[in-house]
């Protein structure tokens, strides 16, 4: 159906520009997939606006498609990376339609350098997920055995790391049993190879601790140790794991999940066993301390015995003096009471023949013989 207005015929179902633009705007801005989307492209134009907003365009270098973008003034301070002409970036934002010009644009919330941005973003997402599972929790970490006798090493048999570990272990703790479970530690085959090497150690069952090592290299060469397969194999390993992945500046996710992180193969080998020479020195020091302690204790006991002996001698001397004085006193008393002493003073003792002492004249009769005891002898007399 058409309606006539002058010389023009307009269909009744025709939309106004505003209506069709509003309809498309609503479809575009309410689509859940487009409300927050990552877009990769090269910055083909850059136009800072006088009101503080930053306008730029992203271009697909292979197919030539272009997308207009804007970073509003209030959002610019939160950007990780500012867009630069010719640079490949990853932009997080939401699609919006600008009705006045009938164009859509990406309202950017974050801009990341695509050189390392995507990889870093995926790494951070993996880290967050594993951390949420508790794989990096310090309470999960197990202590290393203090004096292991069998140590397993997962590394490349052709790398410098294996030689460094052998040399360090031999210098610090000779006589150890060291088991090598060879693995590829770089490239696409590394994750599967390392996981298989760890499984071999667990199946063997002899090792008390495992060293996962790789020599130094570029950060890109160490990317395998951010692989989820290796991380979970280390987390699930039945024996303590110490990593020595040859990089001081960066920490891989495998380092975070390991029981101990030593950064370099040599440092890992040094941490896994004590230094035998240091143990010997410490043992000699403990023996000397024990000897000194026993000697001090014996000296104390000798001093105590000497003091007790002195006290005993003094006590015995005092007691002896007391008893000597008592004996002297008793001797004097005995001397006073001694009948012989009385006789010496001129007295005499009269005895009957049966030895009875005459105490009264009534005890004897006239004509009876008695014995008189004197100091110098005896007299036999007759009572008249």
Protein backbone atom coordinates (compact mmCIF):
# COMPACT_ATOMS: atom_id res chain seq x y z
CA UNK A 1 0.00 0.00 0.00
CA UNK A 2 1.32 3.43 -1.03
CA UNK A 3 0.16 6.88 0.07
CA UNK A 4 0.36 9.93 -2.15
CA UNK A 5 1.95 13.15 -0.95
CA UNK A 6 2.70 15.49 -3.81
CA UNK A 7 4.57 13.57 -6.43
CA UNK A 8 6.08 11.04 -3.88
CA UNK A 9 4.73 7.64 -3.04
CA UNK A 10 5.97 6.28 0.39
CA UNK A 11 5.20 2.72 1.57
CA UNK A 12 3.24 2.60 4.80
CA UNK A 13 5.81 0.15 6.30
CA UNK A 14 8.72 2.48 5.69
CA UNK A 15 10.95 3.32 8.74
CA UNK A 16 12.34 6.71 9.52
CA UNK A 17 16.12 6.98 9.76
CA UNK A 18 15.83 7.62 13.49
CA UNK A 19 13.62 4.55 13.95
CA UNK A 20 15.86 2.19 12.00
CA UNK A 21 18.96 3.60 13.70
CA UNK A 22 17.39 3.18 17.14
CA UNK A 23 16.37 -0.37 16.24
CA UNK A 24 19.89 -1.29 15.13
CA UNK A 25 21.36 0.46 18.20
CA UNK A 26 19.13 -1.58 20.46
CA UNK A 27 20.08 -4.85 18.70
CA UNK A 28 23.75 -4.00 18.87
CA UNK A 29 24.01 -2.76 22.45
CA UNK A 30 21.77 -5.39 24.07
CA UNK A 31 23.55 -8.35 22.51
CA UNK A 32 25.29 -10.18 25.36
CA UNK A 33 28.18 -11.27 23.15
CA UNK A 34 28.94 -7.69 22.22
CA UNK A 35 28.53 -6.04 25.62
CA UNK A 36 32.09 -6.99 26.61
CA UNK A 37 34.34 -8.23 23.80
CA UNK A 38 38.07 -8.54 23.05
CA UNK A 39 39.15 -7.22 19.64
CA UNK A 40 42.59 -7.61 18.02
CA UNK A 41 43.92 -5.22 15.38
CA UNK A 42 46.54 -2.66 14.34
CA UNK A 43 46.11 0.99 15.27
CA UNK A 44 45.59 2.63 11.86
CA UNK A 45 44.62 6.13 13.07
CA UNK A 46 44.91 8.06 16.31
CA UNK A 47 43.06 11.29 17.10
CA UNK A 48 43.14 12.76 20.62
CA UNK A 49 40.09 15.04 20.95
CA UNK A 50 40.20 18.47 22.55
CA UNK A 51 37.65 17.38 25.14
CA UNK A 52 40.07 14.72 26.43
CA UNK A 53 38.61 11.69 24.69
CA UNK A 54 40.92 9.49 22.62
CA UNK A 55 39.65 8.31 19.22
CA UNK A 56 41.50 5.67 17.21
CA UNK A 57 40.85 3.04 14.57
CA UNK A 58 41.71 -0.66 14.52
CA UNK A 59 42.39 -2.37 11.22
CA UNK A 60 42.59 -6.03 10.31
CA UNK A 61 45.94 -6.14 8.51
CA UNK A 62 44.98 -9.24 6.50
CA UNK A 63 41.47 -8.38 5.37
CA UNK A 64 41.43 -4.61 5.63
CA UNK A 65 38.33 -4.28 7.84
CA UNK A 66 38.33 -1.21 10.14
CA UNK A 67 36.70 -0.58 13.50
CA UNK A 68 36.42 2.86 15.10
CA UNK A 69 37.26 2.98 18.83
CA UNK A 70 37.09 5.55 21.59
CA UNK A 71 38.59 5.76 25.07
CA UNK A 72 36.59 8.18 27.15
CA UNK A 73 38.49 10.70 29.20
CA UNK A 74 37.62 9.12 32.57
CA UNK A 75 38.89 5.70 31.41
CA UNK A 76 42.33 6.69 30.09
CA UNK A 77 44.11 6.57 33.46
CA UNK A 78 43.17 2.86 33.78
CA UNK A 79 44.77 1.78 30.49
CA UNK A 80 47.62 -0.72 30.65
CA UNK A 81 48.89 0.46 27.28
CA UNK A 82 48.10 3.57 25.23
CA UNK A 83 47.36 2.99 21.53
CA UNK A 84 50.24 3.82 19.18
CA UNK A 85 50.09 4.09 15.39
CA UNK A 86 51.08 0.85 13.69
CA UNK A 87 51.06 -1.15 16.90
CA UNK A 88 49.05 -4.34 17.23
CA UNK A 89 46.85 -4.22 20.30
CA UNK A 90 44.09 -6.13 22.04
CA UNK A 91 41.17 -3.94 23.08
CA UNK A 92 38.48 -4.83 25.62
CA UNK A 93 35.25 -2.89 25.23
CA UNK A 94 31.58 -2.78 24.29
CA UNK A 95 30.03 -1.93 20.92
CA UNK A 96 27.95 1.24 20.67
CA UNK A 97 26.10 2.96 17.84
CA UNK A 98 26.49 6.71 17.26
CA UNK A 99 23.04 7.74 15.87
CA UNK A 100 24.06 11.15 14.46
CA UNK A 101 26.37 9.54 11.95
CA UNK A 102 24.85 6.07 11.81
CA UNK A 103 28.22 4.52 12.72
CA UNK A 104 29.10 2.00 15.38
CA UNK A 105 32.25 2.15 17.47
CA UNK A 106 33.99 0.23 20.25
CA UNK A 107 33.99 1.94 23.63
CA UNK A 108 37.35 0.75 24.97
CA UNK A 109 37.84 -0.15 28.62
CA UNK A 110 41.35 -1.60 28.33
CA UNK A 111 44.14 -1.69 25.76
CA UNK A 112 46.92 -4.30 25.89
CA UNK A 113 49.98 -4.65 23.69
CA UNK A 114 49.24 -7.68 21.52
CA UNK A 115 52.92 -8.64 21.39
CA UNK A 116 52.68 -10.20 24.85
CA UNK A 117 49.17 -9.20 25.74
CA UNK A 118 47.25 -12.28 24.66
CA UNK A 119 49.74 -14.67 26.13
CA UNK A 120 49.92 -12.69 29.36
CA UNK A 121 46.14 -12.50 29.54
CA UNK A 122 45.75 -16.26 29.11
CA UNK A 123 48.51 -16.85 31.66
CA UNK A 124 46.78 -14.60 34.17
CA UNK A 125 43.46 -16.32 33.61
CA UNK A 126 45.09 -19.73 34.17
CA UNK A 127 46.83 -18.44 37.28
CA UNK A 128 43.60 -17.09 38.70
CA UNK A 129 41.79 -20.37 38.05
CA UNK A 130 44.52 -22.52 39.62
CA UNK A 131 44.81 -20.17 42.54
CA UNK A 132 41.07 -20.41 43.11
CA UNK A 133 41.48 -24.20 43.25
CA UNK A 134 44.06 -23.76 46.02
CA UNK A 135 47.03 -25.19 44.09
CA UNK A 136 49.29 -22.32 45.21
CA UNK A 137 48.20 -22.44 48.85
CA UNK A 138 51.31 -22.44 51.13
CA UNK A 139 49.65 -25.00 53.41
CA UNK A 140 49.85 -27.58 50.58
CA UNK A 141 53.62 -27.34 50.38
CA UNK A 142 55.57 -30.24 51.89
CA UNK A 143 58.96 -29.98 53.59
CA UNK A 144 61.94 -31.59 51.92
CA UNK A 145 63.40 -34.69 53.64
CA UNK A 146 66.42 -33.58 55.74
CA UNK A 147 68.80 -36.35 54.60
CA UNK A 148 67.51 -38.00 51.41
CA UNK A 149 69.43 -40.98 50.08
CA UNK A 150 67.75 -41.20 46.67
CA UNK A 151 67.00 -38.12 44.53
CA UNK A 152 65.20 -38.02 41.18
CA UNK A 153 65.94 -35.43 38.51
CA UNK A 154 63.66 -34.55 35.59
CA UNK A 155 65.60 -32.61 32.98
CA UNK A 156 67.26 -32.94 29.60
CA UNK A 157 70.20 -35.39 29.70
CA UNK A 158 72.04 -33.19 27.19
CA UNK A 159 71.58 -29.88 28.99
CA UNK A 160 73.96 -28.03 31.29
CA UNK A 161 71.44 -28.35 34.13
CA UNK A 162 72.03 -32.11 34.49
CA UNK A 163 75.79 -31.61 34.78
CA UNK A 164 75.39 -28.77 37.30
CA UNK A 165 73.09 -30.88 39.47
CA UNK A 166 75.40 -33.92 39.43
CA UNK A 167 78.44 -31.82 40.30
CA UNK A 168 76.68 -29.97 43.12
CA UNK A 169 75.24 -33.13 44.68
CA UNK A 170 78.61 -34.91 44.53
CA UNK A 171 80.38 -31.96 46.16
CA UNK A 172 77.81 -31.49 48.92
CA UNK A 173 76.75 -35.05 49.73
CA UNK A 174 78.85 -37.85 48.16
CA UNK A 175 77.32 -41.31 47.96
CA UNK A 176 73.80 -40.27 46.99
CA UNK A 177 71.74 -42.29 44.55
CA UNK A 178 70.62 -39.94 41.75
CA UNK A 179 67.97 -41.13 39.28
CA UNK A 180 67.60 -39.30 35.96
CA UNK A 181 64.20 -39.34 34.27
CA UNK A 182 65.03 -37.69 30.93
CA UNK A 183 62.61 -35.22 29.38
CA UNK A 184 62.36 -32.60 26.66
CA UNK A 185 62.26 -29.25 28.45
CA UNK A 186 61.63 -26.89 25.53
CA UNK A 187 59.18 -26.70 22.67
CA UNK A 188 55.77 -28.13 21.95
CA UNK A 189 56.70 -31.66 23.06
CA UNK A 190 58.02 -30.49 26.45
CA UNK A 191 54.77 -30.61 28.52
CA UNK A 192 53.90 -34.19 27.59
CA UNK A 193 57.52 -35.30 27.97
CA UNK A 194 57.89 -33.72 31.43
CA UNK A 195 54.60 -35.17 32.67
CA UNK A 196 55.67 -38.63 31.49
CA UNK A 197 59.06 -38.24 33.23
CA UNK A 198 57.36 -37.33 36.53
CA UNK A 199 55.05 -40.34 36.23
CA UNK A 200 58.06 -42.63 35.71
CA UNK A 201 59.62 -41.39 38.95
CA UNK A 202 56.40 -41.97 40.87
CA UNK A 203 56.02 -45.46 39.43
CA UNK A 204 59.64 -46.34 40.30
CA UNK A 205 59.00 -45.45 43.95
CA UNK A 206 62.63 -45.16 45.11
CA UNK A 207 63.09 -41.38 45.09
CA UNK A 208 62.40 -39.33 48.22
CA UNK A 209 62.44 -35.95 46.46
CA UNK A 210 62.27 -34.75 42.84
CA UNK A 211 64.21 -31.94 41.16
CA UNK A 212 62.54 -30.45 38.07
CA UNK A 213 65.25 -28.45 36.29
CA UNK A 214 66.13 -26.59 33.15
CA UNK A 215 69.12 -24.42 32.33
CA UNK A 216 68.87 -20.69 31.73
CA UNK A 217 67.35 -19.29 28.56
CA UNK A 218 64.99 -16.74 27.14
CA UNK A 219 61.61 -16.25 28.74
CA UNK A 220 59.98 -17.72 25.66
CA UNK A 221 62.01 -20.92 26.08
CA UNK A 222 60.58 -21.36 29.58
CA UNK A 223 56.95 -21.01 28.50
CA UNK A 224 56.41 -24.76 28.74
CA UNK A 225 56.49 -24.52 32.53
CA UNK A 226 53.30 -22.45 32.44
CA UNK A 227 51.50 -25.37 30.81
CA UNK A 228 48.60 -26.66 32.89
CA UNK A 229 49.59 -30.29 32.35
CA UNK A 230 52.98 -29.80 34.00
CA UNK A 231 51.50 -27.70 36.79
CA UNK A 232 48.97 -30.37 37.72
CA UNK A 233 51.56 -33.16 37.45
CA UNK A 234 53.76 -31.32 39.96
CA UNK A 235 50.81 -30.58 42.24
CA UNK A 236 49.74 -34.24 42.24
CA UNK A 237 53.25 -35.69 42.59
CA UNK A 238 53.50 -38.10 45.55
CA UNK A 239 56.91 -36.84 46.68
CA UNK A 240 58.12 -33.26 47.33
CA UNK A 241 59.14 -31.34 44.21
CA UNK A 242 61.76 -28.59 44.01
CA UNK A 243 62.11 -26.54 40.82
CA UNK A 244 65.29 -25.07 39.38
CA UNK A 245 64.22 -23.62 36.06
CA UNK A 246 67.15 -21.34 35.39
CA UNK A 247 65.46 -17.95 35.51
CA UNK A 248 65.88 -15.44 38.33
CA UNK A 249 63.61 -12.63 37.14
CA UNK A 250 60.36 -14.42 36.31
CA UNK A 251 58.42 -17.03 38.20
CA UNK A 252 56.54 -19.70 36.28
CA UNK A 253 53.31 -21.25 37.48
CA UNK A 254 55.23 -24.50 37.99
CA UNK A 255 57.45 -22.61 40.46
CA UNK A 256 54.36 -21.47 42.34
CA UNK A 257 52.89 -24.96 42.69
CA UNK A 258 56.18 -26.67 43.61
CA UNK A 259 57.00 -27.34 47.25
CA UNK A 260 60.25 -25.35 46.95
CA UNK A 261 61.35 -22.92 44.21
CA UNK A 262 65.12 -22.51 43.82
CA UNK A 263 65.21 -20.73 40.41
CA UNK A 264 68.44 -22.39 39.16
CA UNK A 265 69.44 -26.08 38.90
CA UNK A 266 72.53 -25.52 41.05
CA UNK A 267 70.49 -23.79 43.76
CA UNK A 268 67.93 -26.61 43.67
CA UNK A 269 70.63 -29.23 44.15
CA UNK A 270 72.09 -27.18 47.01
CA UNK A 271 68.70 -26.97 48.74
CA UNK A 272 67.78 -30.62 48.38
CA UNK A 273 70.75 -31.98 50.39
CA UNK A 274 72.85 -30.55 53.22
CA UNK A 275 76.57 -29.91 52.84
CA UNK A 276 78.35 -32.94 54.31
CA UNK A 277 81.39 -30.86 55.27
CA UNK A 278 79.15 -28.41 57.10
CA UNK A 279 77.36 -31.32 58.78
CA UNK A 280 80.72 -32.71 59.92
CA UNK A 281 81.77 -29.32 61.28
CA UNK A 282 78.44 -28.91 63.02
CA UNK A 283 78.73 -32.43 64.43
CA UNK A 284 82.21 -31.72 65.78
CA UNK A 285 80.92 -28.50 67.29
CA UNK A 286 78.06 -30.37 68.97
CA UNK A 287 80.50 -33.00 70.28
CA UNK A 288 82.74 -30.28 71.69
CA UNK A 289 79.76 -28.60 73.32
CA UNK A 290 78.68 -31.95 74.76
CA UNK A 291 82.19 -32.62 76.05
CA UNK A 292 82.40 -29.13 77.56
CA UNK A 293 78.98 -29.59 79.13
CA UNK A 294 79.96 -32.94 80.67
CA UNK A 295 83.29 -31.52 81.85
CA UNK A 296 81.54 -28.54 83.42
CA UNK A 297 79.05 -30.88 85.09
CA UNK A 298 81.86 -33.09 86.42
CA UNK A 299 83.71 -30.01 87.69
CA UNK A 300 80.56 -28.88 89.47
CA UNK A 301 80.15 -32.33 91.02
CA UNK A 302 83.81 -32.38 92.05
CA UNK A 303 83.37 -29.00 93.69
CA UNK A 304 80.22 -30.23 95.39
CA UNK A 305 82.03 -33.34 96.64
CA UNK A 306 84.91 -31.21 97.90
CA UNK A 307 82.50 -28.97 99.73
CA UNK A 308 80.69 -31.97 101.20
CA UNK A 309 84.03 -33.52 102.25
CA UNK A 310 85.07 -30.29 103.94
CA UNK A 311 81.73 -30.04 105.68
CA UNK A 312 81.94 -33.70 106.74
CA UNK A 313 85.51 -33.29 108.06
CA UNK A 314 84.57 -30.15 109.92
CA UNK A 315 81.48 -31.86 111.32
CA UNK A 316 83.47 -34.94 112.36
CA UNK A 317 86.19 -32.78 113.93
CA UNK A 318 83.60 -30.82 115.84
CA UNK A 319 81.91 -34.02 116.97
CA UNK A 320 85.28 -35.54 117.91
CA UNK A 321 86.14 -32.47 119.95
CA UNK A 322 82.78 -32.64 121.67
CA UNK A 323 83.20 -36.35 122.46
CA UNK A 324 86.78 -35.84 123.61
CA UNK A 325 85.63 -33.12 125.99
CA UNK A 326 82.83 -35.36 127.22
CA UNK A 327 85.23 -38.25 127.77
CA UNK A 328 87.55 -35.94 129.68
CA UNK A 329 84.65 -34.82 131.82
CA UNK A 330 83.51 -38.40 132.42
CA UNK A 331 87.09 -39.37 133.17
CA UNK A 332 87.35 -36.68 135.78
CA UNK A 333 84.01 -37.71 137.22
CA UNK A 334 85.11 -41.33 137.20
CA UNK A 335 88.33 -40.39 138.92
CA UNK A 336 86.35 -38.69 141.65
CA UNK A 337 84.15 -41.75 142.11
CA UNK A 338 86.99 -44.32 141.85
CA UNK A 339 87.24 -46.32 145.14
CA UNK A 340 90.98 -46.57 144.66
CA UNK A 341 91.23 -42.82 144.77
CA UNK A 342 89.32 -42.82 148.06
CA UNK A 343 91.69 -45.39 149.47
CA UNK A 344 94.63 -43.26 148.45
CA UNK A 345 93.30 -40.53 150.62
CA UNK A 346 93.66 -42.82 153.70
CA UNK A 347 90.41 -44.61 153.79
CA UNK A 348 89.98 -48.41 153.94
CA UNK A 349 87.40 -50.96 152.95
CA UNK A 350 86.53 -53.88 155.23
CA UNK A 351 85.28 -57.08 153.59
CA UNK A 352 83.99 -60.31 154.98
CA UNK A 353 85.30 -63.58 153.62
CA UNK A 354 82.39 -63.72 151.17
CA UNK A 355 83.35 -60.30 149.80
CA UNK A 356 80.55 -58.43 151.56
CA UNK A 357 81.61 -54.92 152.53
CA UNK A 358 81.25 -54.20 156.22
CA UNK A 359 79.16 -51.15 156.62
CA UNK A 360 78.39 -51.45 160.33
CA UNK A 361 80.03 -52.97 163.36
CA UNK A 362 76.96 -55.07 163.70
CA UNK A 363 77.97 -56.88 160.57
CA UNK A 364 80.96 -58.57 162.27
CA UNK A 365 81.51 -60.61 165.40
CA UNK A 366 84.38 -60.76 167.85
CA UNK A 367 86.86 -63.30 166.76
CA UNK A 368 85.79 -63.12 163.12
CA UNK A 369 88.50 -62.59 160.52
CA UNK A 370 88.04 -59.83 157.93
CA UNK A 371 90.05 -58.31 155.08
CA UNK A 372 91.01 -54.65 155.07
CA UNK A 373 91.63 -53.14 151.64
CA UNK A 374 94.12 -50.26 151.61
CA UNK A 375 95.57 -48.19 148.77
CA UNK A 376 98.79 -50.15 148.90
CA UNK A 377 97.46 -53.64 149.53
CA UNK A 378 95.43 -55.86 151.88
CA UNK A 379 95.49 -56.71 155.58
CA UNK A 380 94.05 -59.85 157.12
CA UNK A 381 92.89 -59.04 160.66
CA UNK A 382 90.86 -60.55 163.46
CA UNK A 383 88.18 -58.69 165.36
CA UNK A 384 89.00 -58.69 169.13
